[in-house]
Amino acid sequence: MHKKSVSVSFPPLQIHHQITPRLLSIPEAAVYIGGTNWFVEELLRDGKLEAVKVGKGRRIDRAVLDKWIDTEEKRQAENPEPLGGFAKKYQEN
């Protein structure tokens, strides 16, 4: 009695949705908050943001960035910074 060999092929796995990473690299975090890499690194150095070490790099949780944005919005609403330069001249006219 011979056994027949059956070949089965499966279609390639297709992912129908994009996974949004929770942890962002410094350049990704900079884009997320509309700043620069240098600015994000300064926030990390000053302790205004916390990062998670992943391998050799650091990643910043989106929730940490959202909290920083909310805190900054509240702080700036309570203590508006005076306008300078062109913006001040434009407001006076």
C-alpha atoms as a PDB file:
ATOM      1  CA  MET A   1       0.000   0.000   0.000  1.00  0.00           C
ATOM      2  CA  HIS A   2       1.413   3.334  -1.079  1.00  0.00           C
ATOM      3  CA  LYS A   3       0.546   6.524   0.692  1.00  0.00           C
ATOM      4  CA  LYS A   4      -0.218   9.407  -1.538  1.00  0.00           C
ATOM      5  CA  SER A   5       1.473  12.635  -0.714  1.00  0.00           C
ATOM      6  CA  VAL A   6      -0.811  15.624  -0.706  1.00  0.00           C
ATOM      7  CA  SER A   7       0.546  19.082  -1.276  1.00  0.00           C
ATOM      8  CA  VAL A   8      -1.334  21.888   0.383  1.00  0.00           C
ATOM      9  CA  SER A   9      -0.566  25.509  -0.280  1.00  0.00           C
ATOM     10  CA  PHE A  10      -1.935  28.364   1.720  1.00  0.00           C
ATOM     11  CA  PRO A  11      -2.425  31.872   0.383  1.00  0.00           C
ATOM     12  CA  PRO A  12       0.051  34.413   1.725  1.00  0.00           C
ATOM     13  CA  LEU A  13      -0.955  36.042   4.967  1.00  0.00           C
ATOM     14  CA  GLN A  14      -2.330  39.488   4.325  1.00  0.00           C
ATOM     15  CA  ILE A  15      -2.632  42.115   6.998  1.00  0.00           C
ATOM     16  CA  HIS A  16      -5.592  44.344   6.328  1.00  0.00           C
ATOM     17  CA  HIS A  17      -4.767  47.020   8.855  1.00  0.00           C
ATOM     18  CA  GLN A  18      -1.785  49.124   9.801  1.00  0.00           C
ATOM     19  CA  ILE A  19      -0.428  48.709  13.314  1.00  0.00           C
ATOM     20  CA  THR A  20       0.214  52.054  14.988  1.00  0.00           C
ATOM     21  CA  PRO A  21       3.231  51.777  17.281  1.00  0.00           C
ATOM     22  CA  ARG A  22       2.701  52.830  20.875  1.00  0.00           C
ATOM     23  CA  LEU A  23       6.353  53.672  21.419  1.00  0.00           C
ATOM     24  CA  LEU A  24       7.965  56.287  19.195  1.00  0.00           C
ATOM     25  CA  SER A  25      11.603  56.965  18.402  1.00  0.00           C
ATOM     26  CA  ILE A  26      12.936  60.460  19.057  1.00  0.00           C
ATOM     27  CA  PRO A  27      12.473  61.538  15.403  1.00  0.00           C
ATOM     28  CA  GLU A  28       8.929  60.090  15.373  1.00  0.00           C
ATOM     29  CA  ALA A  29       8.134  61.837  18.670  1.00  0.00           C
ATOM     30  CA  ALA A  30       9.446  65.104  17.214  1.00  0.00           C
ATOM     31  CA  VAL A  31       7.088  64.792  14.242  1.00  0.00           C
ATOM     32  CA  TYR A  32       4.217  63.816  16.576  1.00  0.00           C
ATOM     33  CA  ILE A  33       4.542  67.005  18.655  1.00  0.00           C
ATOM     34  CA  GLY A  34       5.603  69.225  15.760  1.00  0.00           C
ATOM     35  CA  GLY A  35       9.092  69.861  17.120  1.00  0.00           C
ATOM     36  CA  THR A  36      12.660  68.892  16.364  1.00  0.00           C
ATOM     37  CA  ASN A  37      14.791  65.965  17.502  1.00  0.00           C
ATOM     38  CA  TRP A  38      16.867  68.422  19.515  1.00  0.00           C
ATOM     39  CA  PHE A  39      13.762  69.761  21.301  1.00  0.00           C
ATOM     40  CA  VAL A  40      12.571  66.247  22.241  1.00  0.00           C
ATOM     41  CA  GLU A  41      16.039  65.354  23.527  1.00  0.00           C
ATOM     42  CA  GLU A  42      16.050  68.573  25.583  1.00  0.00           C
ATOM     43  CA  LEU A  43      12.677  67.613  27.102  1.00  0.00           C
ATOM     44  CA  LEU A  44      14.148  64.202  27.994  1.00  0.00           C
ATOM     45  CA  ARG A  45      17.286  65.778  29.541  1.00  0.00           C
ATOM     46  CA  ASP A  46      15.176  68.224  31.548  1.00  0.00           C
ATOM     47  CA  GLY A  47      12.995  65.389  32.866  1.00  0.00           C
ATOM     48  CA  LYS A  48       9.852  66.774  31.205  1.00  0.00           C
ATOM     49  CA  LEU A  49       9.462  63.538  29.229  1.00  0.00           C
ATOM     50  CA  GLU A  50      10.292  59.967  30.155  1.00  0.00           C
ATOM     51  CA  ALA A  51      11.575  57.347  27.735  1.00  0.00           C
ATOM     52  CA  VAL A  52      11.717  53.569  27.695  1.00  0.00           C
ATOM     53  CA  LYS A  53      14.965  51.930  26.679  1.00  0.00           C
ATOM     54  CA  VAL A  54      14.411  49.463  23.844  1.00  0.00           C
ATOM     55  CA  GLY A  55      17.623  47.797  22.736  1.00  0.00           C
ATOM     56  CA  LYS A  56      20.203  50.538  22.333  1.00  0.00           C
ATOM     57  CA  GLY A  57      17.650  53.255  21.654  1.00  0.00           C
ATOM     58  CA  ARG A  58      15.037  55.141  23.607  1.00  0.00           C
ATOM     59  CA  ARG A  59      11.329  55.183  22.817  1.00  0.00           C
ATOM     60  CA  ILE A  60       8.670  57.555  24.082  1.00  0.00           C
ATOM     61  CA  ASP A  61       5.135  56.385  24.795  1.00  0.00           C
ATOM     62  CA  ARG A  62       2.422  58.282  22.900  1.00  0.00           C
ATOM     63  CA  ALA A  63       0.515  58.653  26.185  1.00  0.00           C
ATOM     64  CA  VAL A  64       3.527  60.486  27.678  1.00  0.00           C
ATOM     65  CA  LEU A  65       3.570  62.854  24.699  1.00  0.00           C
ATOM     66  CA  ASP A  66      -0.192  63.412  24.913  1.00  0.00           C
ATOM     67  CA  LYS A  67       0.110  64.212  28.616  1.00  0.00           C
ATOM     68  CA  TRP A  68       2.950  66.672  27.923  1.00  0.00           C
ATOM     69  CA  ILE A  69       0.861  68.373  25.210  1.00  0.00           C
ATOM     70  CA  ASP A  70      -2.144  68.675  27.557  1.00  0.00           C
ATOM     71  CA  THR A  71       0.062  70.067  30.347  1.00  0.00           C
ATOM     72  CA  GLU A  72       1.656  72.599  28.001  1.00  0.00           C
ATOM     73  CA  GLU A  73      -1.720  73.727  26.659  1.00  0.00           C
ATOM     74  CA  LYS A  74      -2.986  74.259  30.202  1.00  0.00           C
ATOM     75  CA  ARG A  75       0.205  76.060  31.294  1.00  0.00           C
ATOM     76  CA  GLN A  76       0.185  78.357  28.279  1.00  0.00           C
ATOM     77  CA  ALA A  77      -3.527  79.147  28.704  1.00  0.00           C
ATOM     78  CA  GLU A  78      -2.936  80.130  32.349  1.00  0.00           C
ATOM     79  CA  ASN A  79       0.285  82.065  31.656  1.00  0.00           C
ATOM     80  CA  PRO A  80       0.262  83.378  28.096  1.00  0.00           C
ATOM     81  CA  GLU A  81       3.685  84.413  26.921  1.00  0.00           C
ATOM     82  CA  PRO A  82       4.003  87.979  25.669  1.00  0.00           C
ATOM     83  CA  LEU A  83       4.186  88.386  21.920  1.00  0.00           C
ATOM     84  CA  GLY A  84       7.426  89.656  20.486  1.00  0.00           C
ATOM     85  CA  GLY A  85       8.714  91.001  17.205  1.00  0.00           C
ATOM     86  CA  PHE A  86       6.372  91.001  14.231  1.00  0.00           C
ATOM     87  CA  ALA A  87       3.481  89.399  16.128  1.00  0.00           C
ATOM     88  CA  LYS A  88       3.510  92.175  18.737  1.00  0.00           C
ATOM     89  CA  LYS A  89       3.677  94.911  16.091  1.00  0.00           C
ATOM     90  CA  TYR A  90       0.854  93.254  14.100  1.00  0.00           C
ATOM     91  CA  GLN A  91      -1.388  93.027  17.209  1.00  0.00           C
ATOM     92  CA  GLU A  92      -0.847  96.714  18.065  1.00  0.00           C
ATOM     93  CA  ASN A  93      -2.136  97.869  14.648  1.00  0.00           C
END
